[in-house]
Amino acid sequence: MMPRAWYLYDEKNQEIKKKALREVSIVSIKRDFSRMEGADRSGGRASHDILAQYMYSSGLTDDGEEILTVEFMSQAELDIFLTKREKKGASMLQKFIAPKGPCNGSIQAIWSPHIFHCERRHN
């Protein structure tokens, strides 16, 4: 299954953009995800080998709630994932960026033609 879309944040214009489909390929994902971003607490190079996180629905609880599974991937795991591994239908691969502070944060954005909802969460 090839990627269907690639979204990124444009810092200069402070907006979310969608890459053209011709720019969405396994080669471009490997290239962009392999660039280490974030730094360790001393300001040096990133001190982790995590390049990506993969989120997907892995079923429902007995109460009917969706179970969200998150996997963190190294370079080797990302290569296997992109070239050999079966992908889940409703899923998202995201580049991992180390937090600048003591905790992780995430932004969840849900939109449709009629509504946009955005939440920011910290652990």
Foldseek 3Di string as FASTA:
>chain_A
DFDDWDWDADPVVRDIDIDDPVCGDLVNCLVVLPPAAEPPQVRHGNPDQWRKKKWDFPDADPVRHTDIDIDTDGSVRSVCCRPPDDDDDPMDMGTDHDDNDDWDKDKDWDDDPVDIDIDIDID
